[in-house]
Amino acid sequence: MVHDSFPSLSSQVRARPEGKAQGYPDEIDSLMFTLYPLRFEQGLKAKLSDSLTELRDQQNTISRSLETVMDKVDQGEADDAEMLARPTRLESLLALIAKVREFLLMYDWRSNKTAIRNLAGVAFLLLAVLMMFLSPPVPSHTRASSIEPPSQLPKPQTASE
């Protein structure tokens, strides 16, 4: 660490010449005035380096979050582009109708009466099958068609009652 390279107070006091008394207050005060700014600077540097390390970690976290969000946005845009590229059901239906129309226009319907009859017969059969599957079921036994037993019939009212 940086503070190990600076001599401590006790080593500087011991390194004084032999003629001076140990613990002389002026020397200690001057030594304290020279060491205090150095120690203060070291502490400030350590605190700043810790703060910078925390800020770098926060910046890295934010960068990763931003990359994730940007990837999701890019993926969403790609999905939207793919959805727009696919034909919708309406477009598919219109394409099918156009193909059927082209097929029907290939024939000369005015001169070919048998084809018209066959086409009408197939259309009638398709409608009949469609009606069978789409009509609601009719119950075979309904309440209106049943006859109630005589015990549950109301008794006729007479004039004396």
Protein backbone atom coordinates (compact mmCIF):
# COMPACT_ATOMS: atom_id res chain seq x y z
CA MET A 1 0.00 0.00 0.00
CA VAL A 2 0.98 3.62 -0.33
CA HIS A 3 1.12 4.39 3.38
CA ASP A 4 3.86 1.76 3.95
CA SER A 5 6.38 3.81 2.01
CA PHE A 6 6.13 6.74 4.43
CA PRO A 7 8.15 6.52 7.64
CA SER A 8 6.20 6.33 10.84
CA LEU A 9 6.44 8.93 13.58
CA SER A 10 8.31 6.67 15.97
CA SER A 11 11.03 5.82 13.46
CA GLN A 12 11.66 9.50 12.71
CA VAL A 13 11.88 10.37 16.41
CA ARG A 14 14.42 7.56 16.93
CA ALA A 15 16.46 8.68 13.94
CA ARG A 16 17.26 12.06 15.54
CA PRO A 17 20.80 12.92 16.38
CA GLU A 18 22.01 11.97 19.85
CA GLY A 19 22.42 15.55 21.02
CA LYS A 20 18.71 16.32 21.14
CA ALA A 21 16.35 15.01 23.75
CA GLN A 22 13.71 12.61 22.71
CA GLY A 23 10.16 13.84 22.53
CA TYR A 24 11.12 17.44 21.90
CA PRO A 25 7.75 19.20 21.32
CA ASP A 26 8.81 21.45 18.41
CA GLU A 27 10.14 18.52 16.41
CA ILE A 28 7.05 16.46 17.07
CA ASP A 29 4.81 19.33 16.05
CA SER A 30 6.74 19.96 12.85
CA LEU A 31 6.77 16.26 12.13
CA MET A 32 3.00 16.10 12.70
CA PHE A 33 2.47 19.06 10.36
CA THR A 34 4.43 17.27 7.61
CA LEU A 35 2.83 13.85 8.13
CA TYR A 36 -0.77 14.98 8.58
CA PRO A 37 -1.24 16.21 4.98
CA LEU A 38 0.36 13.01 3.67
CA ARG A 39 -1.91 10.74 5.74
CA PHE A 40 -4.93 12.89 4.85
CA GLU A 41 -4.05 12.63 1.17
CA GLN A 42 -3.66 8.85 1.41
CA GLY A 43 -7.03 8.48 3.13
CA LEU A 44 -8.68 10.73 0.57
CA LYS A 45 -7.16 8.71 -2.29
CA ALA A 46 -8.37 5.45 -0.74
CA LYS A 47 -11.88 6.84 -0.27
CA LEU A 48 -11.98 8.16 -3.83
CA SER A 49 -10.75 4.86 -5.27
CA ASP A 50 -13.49 3.00 -3.35
CA SER A 51 -16.10 5.45 -4.66
CA LEU A 52 -14.80 5.08 -8.21
CA THR A 53 -14.93 1.29 -7.92
CA GLU A 54 -18.57 1.45 -6.78
CA LEU A 55 -19.43 3.83 -9.61
CA ARG A 56 -17.78 1.53 -12.17
CA ASP A 57 -19.80 -1.40 -10.83
CA GLN A 58 -23.00 0.63 -11.09
CA GLN A 59 -22.09 1.71 -14.61
CA ASN A 60 -21.46 -1.91 -15.64
CA THR A 61 -24.79 -2.98 -14.15
CA ILE A 62 -26.63 -0.20 -15.98
CA SER A 63 -24.84 -1.05 -19.23
CA ARG A 64 -25.87 -4.71 -18.94
CA SER A 65 -29.47 -3.70 -18.22
CA LEU A 66 -29.48 -1.33 -21.19
CA GLU A 67 -28.10 -4.04 -23.47
CA THR A 68 -30.83 -6.43 -22.31
CA VAL A 69 -33.54 -3.84 -22.98
CA MET A 70 -32.10 -3.03 -26.40
CA ASP A 71 -31.99 -6.74 -27.29
CA LYS A 72 -35.65 -7.10 -26.30
CA VAL A 73 -36.59 -4.09 -28.40
CA ASP A 74 -34.67 -5.46 -31.39
CA GLN A 75 -36.33 -8.85 -30.94
CA GLY A 76 -39.76 -7.18 -30.78
CA GLU A 77 -39.05 -5.24 -33.96
CA ALA A 78 -37.93 -8.43 -35.70
CA ASP A 79 -41.13 -10.20 -34.56
CA ASP A 80 -43.24 -7.29 -35.82
CA ALA A 81 -41.49 -7.34 -39.19
CA GLU A 82 -42.08 -11.10 -39.42
CA MET A 83 -45.77 -10.68 -38.58
CA LEU A 84 -46.18 -8.00 -41.22
CA ALA A 85 -44.44 -10.18 -43.82
CA ARG A 86 -46.91 -13.05 -43.30
CA PRO A 87 -50.24 -12.74 -45.14
CA THR A 88 -53.32 -12.23 -42.98
CA ARG A 89 -56.37 -14.48 -43.10
CA LEU A 90 -58.23 -11.94 -45.18
CA GLU A 91 -55.43 -11.78 -47.73
CA SER A 92 -55.31 -15.60 -47.86
CA LEU A 93 -59.07 -15.76 -48.37
CA LEU A 94 -58.94 -13.15 -51.13
CA ALA A 95 -56.15 -15.08 -52.86
CA LEU A 96 -58.22 -18.29 -52.68
CA ILE A 97 -61.29 -16.53 -54.10
CA ALA A 98 -59.17 -15.13 -56.93
CA LYS A 99 -57.88 -18.63 -57.77
CA VAL A 100 -61.44 -20.07 -57.74
CA ARG A 101 -62.61 -17.24 -59.99
CA GLU A 102 -59.77 -17.90 -62.43
CA PHE A 103 -60.67 -21.59 -62.46
CA LEU A 104 -64.34 -20.86 -63.10
CA LEU A 105 -63.55 -18.40 -65.88
CA MET A 106 -61.64 -21.10 -67.78
CA TYR A 107 -64.91 -22.75 -68.82
CA ASP A 108 -67.50 -21.49 -71.28
CA TRP A 109 -70.55 -21.75 -69.04
CA ARG A 110 -73.11 -20.61 -71.65
CA SER A 111 -72.55 -23.53 -73.97
CA ASN A 112 -71.87 -26.25 -71.37
CA LYS A 113 -75.21 -26.92 -69.64
CA THR A 114 -74.07 -30.22 -68.04
CA ALA A 115 -71.30 -28.50 -66.13
CA ILE A 116 -73.78 -25.99 -64.73
CA ARG A 117 -76.09 -28.80 -63.58
CA ASN A 118 -73.23 -30.69 -61.97
CA LEU A 119 -72.00 -27.56 -60.25
CA ALA A 120 -75.49 -26.78 -58.94
CA GLY A 121 -75.85 -30.37 -57.66
CA VAL A 122 -72.51 -30.23 -55.81
CA ALA A 123 -73.44 -26.85 -54.31
CA PHE A 124 -76.81 -28.27 -53.17
CA LEU A 125 -75.13 -31.29 -51.53
CA LEU A 126 -72.59 -29.05 -49.78
CA LEU A 127 -75.40 -26.85 -48.44
CA ALA A 128 -77.34 -29.90 -47.23
CA VAL A 129 -74.30 -31.27 -45.38
CA LEU A 130 -73.58 -27.85 -43.94
CA MET A 131 -77.18 -27.53 -42.68
CA MET A 132 -77.00 -30.95 -41.05
CA PHE A 133 -73.93 -30.02 -39.05
CA LEU A 134 -74.96 -26.48 -38.16
CA SER A 135 -78.61 -27.05 -37.23
CA PRO A 136 -79.36 -27.60 -33.53
CA PRO A 137 -80.47 -31.08 -32.50
CA VAL A 138 -84.22 -31.60 -32.18
CA PRO A 139 -85.24 -33.71 -29.18
CA SER A 140 -87.32 -36.78 -29.99
CA HIS A 141 -89.50 -36.41 -26.89
CA THR A 142 -90.92 -33.02 -26.04
CA ARG A 143 -93.17 -31.99 -23.16
CA ALA A 144 -95.91 -30.72 -25.46
CA SER A 145 -96.32 -34.08 -27.15
CA SER A 146 -96.61 -36.11 -23.94
CA ILE A 147 -99.94 -36.93 -22.35
CA GLU A 148 -100.23 -36.50 -18.63
CA PRO A 149 -101.81 -39.26 -16.57
CA PRO A 150 -105.38 -38.67 -15.31
CA SER A 151 -104.28 -38.39 -11.69
CA GLN A 152 -102.57 -35.10 -12.38
CA LEU A 153 -105.41 -33.59 -14.43
CA PRO A 154 -107.38 -30.86 -12.68
CA LYS A 155 -110.81 -31.93 -11.52
CA PRO A 156 -113.72 -30.29 -13.32
CA GLN A 157 -115.58 -27.72 -11.28
CA THR A 158 -119.27 -28.21 -10.76
CA ALA A 159 -121.87 -25.50 -10.33
CA SER A 160 -122.55 -26.47 -6.70
CA GLU A 161 -118.99 -25.82 -5.58
